[in-house]
Amino acid sequence: FDPLELAFWIDWFREDGDAVFWQPWPRAWGVAPTGTFIASGTVDGIERILAMHDGGIGMVELLVRLGAIGTLTVTGHSLGGGLAHVLAPLLATHLPPTQARVALLSYAAPAIGSETFAAWLESSFGAAAGRYHNSLDVVPHAWAGLG
């Protein structure tokens, strides 16, 4: 995570810049509507998050073990906002509704998925989702609306 290191920039461009290639929603992440595609860089970022473990326990398993949570808000800014758009429905498919109500909140997030993905987010989270951005910021318009 040191911007003075070359590895930082390689990683950043791989996740942020790999939006022109899309992948179908991975089956291992749970059920998604047919035609749900997301940017390859976003898949890479989510896989990295899911690979993190503390004492052999991953994030999803830890959340399931916590029991009743109430509301779990998944949030992020820029690249983190794009990751939040994927992590929220992923968690919602793994946590029973009686355990947690998953909400989504993003700031200046790029568009990282297909129209089917966007419609699924809207139908799944509706009022429990907030997407905030400055209309002059280029990132929220990438990659869907830079014309």
Protein backbone atom coordinates (compact mmCIF):
# COMPACT_ATOMS: atom_id res chain seq x y z
CA PHE A 1 0.00 0.00 0.00
CA ASP A 2 2.99 2.29 -0.48
CA PRO A 3 2.51 4.62 -3.49
CA LEU A 4 6.28 4.91 -3.73
CA GLU A 5 6.48 1.21 -4.65
CA LEU A 6 5.91 -0.03 -8.20
CA ALA A 7 3.74 -2.89 -6.88
CA PHE A 8 1.22 -0.32 -5.60
CA TRP A 9 0.68 1.10 -9.09
CA ILE A 10 0.56 -2.29 -10.79
CA ASP A 11 -2.12 -3.40 -8.32
CA TRP A 12 -4.04 -0.12 -8.66
CA PHE A 13 -4.12 -0.26 -12.46
CA ARG A 14 -5.08 -3.95 -12.44
CA GLU A 15 -8.13 -3.34 -10.26
CA ASP A 16 -9.14 0.16 -11.42
CA GLY A 17 -8.12 -0.18 -15.03
CA ASP A 18 -9.44 -3.67 -15.69
CA ALA A 19 -13.00 -2.48 -16.24
CA VAL A 20 -13.13 -3.07 -19.97
CA PHE A 21 -13.21 -6.85 -19.48
CA TRP A 22 -16.23 -8.28 -17.70
CA GLN A 23 -16.86 -11.61 -16.05
CA PRO A 24 -20.10 -13.33 -15.07
CA TRP A 25 -20.99 -13.23 -11.38
CA PRO A 26 -18.99 -16.12 -9.84
CA ARG A 27 -21.22 -19.00 -8.70
CA ALA A 28 -19.16 -19.31 -5.51
CA TRP A 29 -20.47 -15.90 -4.47
CA GLY A 30 -24.11 -16.98 -4.49
CA VAL A 31 -27.04 -16.66 -6.85
CA ALA A 32 -27.36 -13.66 -9.17
CA PRO A 33 -29.73 -13.00 -12.07
CA THR A 34 -28.74 -14.39 -15.47
CA GLY A 35 -26.73 -11.78 -17.35
CA THR A 36 -25.05 -10.34 -14.26
CA PHE A 37 -21.55 -9.30 -15.28
CA ILE A 38 -18.98 -7.25 -13.37
CA ALA A 39 -15.60 -5.78 -14.22
CA SER A 40 -12.67 -8.20 -14.02
CA GLY A 41 -10.74 -5.82 -11.77
CA THR A 42 -13.67 -5.80 -9.36
CA VAL A 43 -13.74 -9.61 -9.31
CA ASP A 44 -10.02 -9.53 -8.46
CA GLY A 45 -10.58 -7.02 -5.65
CA ILE A 46 -13.45 -9.01 -4.11
CA GLU A 47 -11.45 -12.24 -4.33
CA ARG A 48 -8.65 -10.51 -2.41
CA ILE A 49 -11.09 -9.38 0.26
CA LEU A 50 -12.59 -12.87 0.56
CA ALA A 51 -9.10 -14.39 0.78
CA MET A 52 -8.30 -12.39 3.93
CA HIS A 53 -8.47 -14.50 7.06
CA ASP A 54 -7.93 -13.92 10.76
CA GLY A 55 -7.16 -17.08 12.65
CA GLY A 56 -8.36 -19.13 9.67
CA ILE A 57 -11.77 -17.42 9.61
CA GLY A 58 -12.88 -15.36 6.59
CA MET A 59 -15.12 -12.31 6.71
CA VAL A 60 -18.32 -14.06 5.59
CA GLU A 61 -17.90 -16.89 8.10
CA LEU A 62 -17.11 -14.39 10.87
CA LEU A 63 -20.26 -12.39 10.11
CA VAL A 64 -22.38 -15.56 10.10
CA ARG A 65 -20.90 -16.56 13.48
CA LEU A 66 -21.77 -13.17 15.01
CA GLY A 67 -25.46 -14.00 14.97
CA ALA A 68 -27.99 -11.16 14.89
CA ILE A 69 -26.31 -8.02 13.58
CA GLY A 70 -29.20 -5.67 12.82
CA THR A 71 -28.14 -3.46 9.92
CA LEU A 72 -24.82 -4.09 8.22
CA THR A 73 -23.82 -1.13 6.03
CA VAL A 74 -21.28 -1.85 3.31
CA THR A 75 -19.59 1.37 2.22
CA GLY A 76 -16.66 2.69 0.23
CA HIS A 77 -15.22 5.55 -1.79
CA SER A 78 -14.08 5.40 -5.44
CA LEU A 79 -12.63 1.91 -6.01
CA GLY A 80 -13.90 0.97 -2.54
CA GLY A 81 -17.38 2.11 -3.57
CA GLY A 82 -17.26 -0.15 -6.61
CA LEU A 83 -16.19 -3.04 -4.39
CA ALA A 84 -19.02 -2.19 -1.96
CA HIS A 85 -21.53 -2.49 -4.83
CA VAL A 86 -20.47 -6.12 -5.23
CA LEU A 87 -19.77 -6.99 -1.61
CA ALA A 88 -23.24 -5.88 -0.43
CA PRO A 89 -25.25 -8.33 -2.57
CA LEU A 90 -22.65 -11.04 -1.95
CA LEU A 91 -23.11 -10.66 1.80
CA ALA A 92 -26.88 -10.40 1.45
CA THR A 93 -26.93 -13.82 -0.25
CA HIS A 94 -24.90 -15.38 2.59
CA LEU A 95 -26.51 -13.76 5.64
CA PRO A 96 -30.09 -14.73 6.51
CA PRO A 97 -32.45 -11.69 6.52
CA THR A 98 -33.27 -12.45 10.16
CA GLN A 99 -29.57 -12.03 11.01
CA ALA A 100 -28.76 -8.84 9.14
CA ARG A 101 -30.31 -6.22 6.91
CA VAL A 102 -27.56 -5.34 4.44
CA ALA A 103 -27.44 -1.70 3.33
CA LEU A 104 -25.21 -0.12 0.70
CA LEU A 105 -23.63 3.33 0.70
CA SER A 106 -21.04 4.50 -1.84
CA TYR A 107 -19.21 7.70 -2.62
CA ALA A 108 -17.80 8.47 -6.09
CA ALA A 109 -17.97 4.83 -7.17
CA PRO A 110 -17.43 3.88 -10.81
CA ALA A 111 -20.03 1.85 -12.70
CA ILE A 112 -18.60 -1.67 -12.47
CA GLY A 113 -21.32 -3.94 -13.82
CA SER A 114 -23.82 -4.73 -16.51
CA GLU A 115 -27.30 -3.23 -16.70
CA THR A 116 -28.60 -6.50 -15.24
CA PHE A 117 -26.25 -6.04 -12.28
CA ALA A 118 -27.40 -2.42 -11.80
CA ALA A 119 -31.07 -3.44 -11.93
CA TRP A 120 -30.39 -6.24 -9.42
CA LEU A 121 -28.74 -3.77 -7.04
CA GLU A 122 -31.67 -1.39 -7.35
CA SER A 123 -34.28 -4.10 -6.79
CA SER A 124 -32.32 -5.68 -3.92
CA PHE A 125 -31.40 -2.54 -2.00
CA GLY A 126 -33.73 0.22 -3.21
CA ALA A 127 -34.10 2.64 -0.32
CA ALA A 128 -31.33 0.84 1.59
CA ALA A 129 -28.79 2.06 -0.99
CA GLY A 130 -27.21 5.45 -1.36
CA ARG A 131 -24.89 6.46 -4.18
CA TYR A 132 -23.34 9.88 -3.77
CA HIS A 133 -21.06 11.64 -6.21
CA ASN A 134 -20.03 15.02 -7.55
CA SER A 135 -21.51 15.46 -11.03
CA LEU A 136 -18.16 16.88 -12.24
CA ASP A 137 -16.12 13.90 -10.98
CA VAL A 138 -15.08 11.61 -13.84
CA VAL A 139 -14.86 8.41 -11.73
CA PRO A 140 -18.61 7.91 -11.10
CA HIS A 141 -19.17 8.17 -14.85
CA ALA A 142 -16.56 5.53 -15.64
CA TRP A 143 -17.05 3.27 -17.42
CA ALA A 144 -20.67 3.55 -18.39
CA GLY A 145 -21.10 7.25 -19.09
CA LEU A 146 -17.88 8.90 -20.19
CA GLY A 147 -19.24 9.77 -23.64
